[in-house]
Amino acid sequence: MSQLPQEIVSSFFHYVRSGTNPDDAALYMADTVLAHQVTAENETTVQRSPQNYADHVREMIDAYGHFQVEIQELISQDDRVYVRWKQTGTHIGEVDGFAPTGKPVIEIASAVYRVTDGKIAEYWIQIDREGIRKQLERNQST
């Protein structure tokens, strides 16, 4: 019995994106995933593999410790799943040139995932990078 797209994405968040078990990425992601990173200043598309994504999650753990991810909204339509989440961690590693402060950092982000053949094949992600930068700056000065 195949899983619905929202079940795949929800499990992906619970086990992989949360940092609980990044090496499970291959269970939820196609061999090649198009990751469209939508920012105000530039839109880029990178190809991600499950291994590359697992490494990316480990980089987040190095920067923010064992963070918490709270899904605030999940909406599914056909092969697309929209997720908005709040990630809370502690600034324990260098981030964008900011030395670790040991203080909390919150990331607000959302993405639309396209699921094909039971795996995530593509996503469009937006992260409040300016909000993160302001927190890092404020944490450096206090």
Protein backbone atom coordinates (compact mmCIF):
# COMPACT_ATOMS: atom_id res chain seq x y z
CA MET A 1 0.00 0.00 0.00
CA SER A 2 1.54 3.30 -1.07
CA GLN A 3 1.63 6.35 1.16
CA LEU A 4 -0.09 9.61 0.33
CA PRO A 5 2.18 12.59 -0.49
CA GLN A 6 1.34 14.31 2.82
CA GLU A 7 2.29 11.15 4.76
CA ILE A 8 5.65 10.97 2.95
CA VAL A 9 6.44 14.63 3.61
CA SER A 10 5.26 14.43 7.22
CA SER A 11 7.49 11.39 7.83
CA PHE A 12 10.38 13.12 6.04
CA PHE A 13 10.06 16.04 8.49
CA HIS A 14 9.67 13.79 11.51
CA TYR A 15 12.71 11.60 10.79
CA VAL A 16 15.03 13.49 8.42
CA ARG A 17 14.48 17.27 8.44
CA SER A 18 14.20 17.24 12.24
CA GLY A 19 17.70 15.80 12.51
CA THR A 20 16.44 12.66 14.25
CA ASN A 21 17.81 10.38 11.54
CA PRO A 22 19.22 12.27 8.52
CA ASP A 23 20.48 9.03 6.96
CA ASP A 24 16.86 8.00 6.31
CA ALA A 25 16.70 10.64 3.55
CA ALA A 26 16.87 7.94 0.85
CA LEU A 27 13.57 6.53 2.14
CA TYR A 28 11.77 9.78 1.31
CA MET A 29 13.79 11.45 -1.46
CA ALA A 30 14.36 10.53 -5.10
CA ASP A 31 17.95 9.94 -6.19
CA THR A 32 18.03 13.48 -7.59
CA VAL A 33 15.83 16.22 -6.13
CA LEU A 34 15.53 19.72 -7.60
CA ALA A 35 15.70 22.19 -4.72
CA HIS A 36 14.48 25.64 -5.73
CA GLN A 37 15.71 28.11 -3.13
CA VAL A 38 13.54 31.19 -3.39
CA THR A 39 15.02 34.32 -1.82
CA ALA A 40 14.27 38.00 -2.29
CA GLU A 41 17.68 38.67 -3.77
CA ASN A 42 18.14 35.60 -5.94
CA GLU A 43 16.42 32.39 -6.94
CA THR A 44 18.64 29.36 -7.40
CA THR A 45 18.05 25.70 -8.10
CA VAL A 46 20.42 23.06 -6.83
CA GLN A 47 20.33 19.32 -7.22
CA ARG A 48 20.21 17.41 -3.98
CA SER A 49 20.75 13.72 -3.38
CA PRO A 50 19.60 11.94 -0.23
CA GLN A 51 23.23 11.80 0.96
CA ASN A 52 23.75 15.49 0.21
CA TYR A 53 20.58 16.34 2.11
CA ALA A 54 21.61 14.22 5.09
CA ASP A 55 24.94 16.11 5.14
CA HIS A 56 23.00 19.40 5.01
CA VAL A 57 20.95 18.38 8.07
CA ARG A 58 24.15 17.44 9.92
CA GLU A 59 25.53 20.92 9.09
CA MET A 60 22.42 22.43 10.69
CA ILE A 61 23.00 20.29 13.79
CA ASP A 62 26.62 21.51 13.90
CA ALA A 63 25.38 25.11 13.74
CA TYR A 64 22.24 24.92 15.91
CA GLY A 65 22.61 21.80 18.05
CA HIS A 66 19.81 19.28 18.25
CA PHE A 67 17.09 21.68 17.15
CA GLN A 68 13.32 21.25 17.30
CA VAL A 69 11.08 21.47 14.26
CA GLU A 70 7.41 22.31 14.72
CA ILE A 71 5.18 21.91 11.68
CA GLN A 72 2.74 24.79 11.91
CA GLU A 73 0.82 24.07 8.73
CA LEU A 74 0.68 21.19 6.24
CA ILE A 75 -1.61 21.34 3.22
CA SER A 76 -1.76 18.76 0.46
CA GLN A 77 -3.21 18.88 -3.03
CA ASP A 78 -2.56 16.15 -5.57
CA ASP A 79 1.23 15.59 -5.72
CA ARG A 80 2.11 18.85 -3.87
CA VAL A 81 2.49 19.33 -0.13
CA TYR A 82 2.92 22.75 1.46
CA VAL A 83 4.66 22.86 4.85
CA ARG A 84 5.31 25.88 7.08
CA TRP A 85 7.51 25.25 10.08
CA LYS A 86 9.34 26.83 12.99
CA GLN A 87 12.80 25.53 13.84
CA THR A 88 14.31 26.41 17.20
CA GLY A 89 17.93 25.72 18.04
CA THR A 90 20.92 27.06 19.92
CA HIS A 91 23.69 28.90 18.08
CA ILE A 92 26.62 26.53 18.83
CA GLY A 93 28.55 26.74 15.55
CA GLU A 94 29.65 29.46 13.14
CA VAL A 95 26.83 30.66 10.88
CA ASP A 96 27.48 33.07 8.00
CA GLY A 97 30.56 34.45 9.76
CA PHE A 98 28.82 34.83 13.14
CA ALA A 99 30.72 33.16 15.99
CA PRO A 100 28.68 30.86 18.27
CA THR A 101 26.83 32.60 21.10
CA GLY A 102 25.01 29.74 22.81
CA LYS A 103 21.78 31.71 22.41
CA PRO A 104 18.50 30.56 20.83
CA VAL A 105 17.88 31.07 17.12
CA ILE A 106 14.49 30.63 15.46
CA GLU A 107 14.02 29.90 11.77
CA ILE A 108 10.66 30.38 10.10
CA ALA A 109 10.39 28.68 6.72
CA SER A 110 8.01 27.11 4.25
CA ALA A 111 8.28 24.85 1.26
CA VAL A 112 6.17 23.14 -1.35
CA TYR A 113 7.22 19.54 -2.00
CA ARG A 114 6.35 17.60 -5.16
CA VAL A 115 6.06 13.87 -4.57
CA THR A 116 6.44 11.43 -7.47
CA ASP A 117 6.48 7.64 -7.26
CA GLY A 118 6.37 7.78 -3.45
CA LYS A 119 9.38 10.09 -3.04
CA ILE A 120 10.12 13.81 -2.88
CA ALA A 121 11.31 14.81 -6.35
CA GLU A 122 11.32 18.60 -6.14
CA TYR A 123 10.74 21.43 -3.69
CA TRP A 124 10.51 25.20 -3.50
CA ILE A 125 11.74 26.60 -0.20
CA GLN A 126 11.61 30.05 1.39
CA ILE A 127 13.43 30.80 4.64
CA ASP A 128 13.30 34.05 6.63
CA ARG A 129 17.08 34.56 6.21
CA GLU A 130 16.85 38.22 7.20
CA GLY A 131 15.19 37.23 10.48
CA ILE A 132 17.97 34.74 11.19
CA ARG A 133 20.64 37.34 10.38
CA LYS A 134 19.04 39.88 12.73
CA GLN A 135 18.94 37.32 15.56
CA LEU A 136 22.61 36.44 14.99
CA GLU A 137 23.58 40.14 14.98
CA ARG A 138 21.57 40.82 18.16
CA ASN A 139 23.07 37.76 19.87
CA GLN A 140 26.61 38.95 19.05
CA SER A 141 25.99 42.30 20.73
CA THR A 142 24.42 41.02 23.95
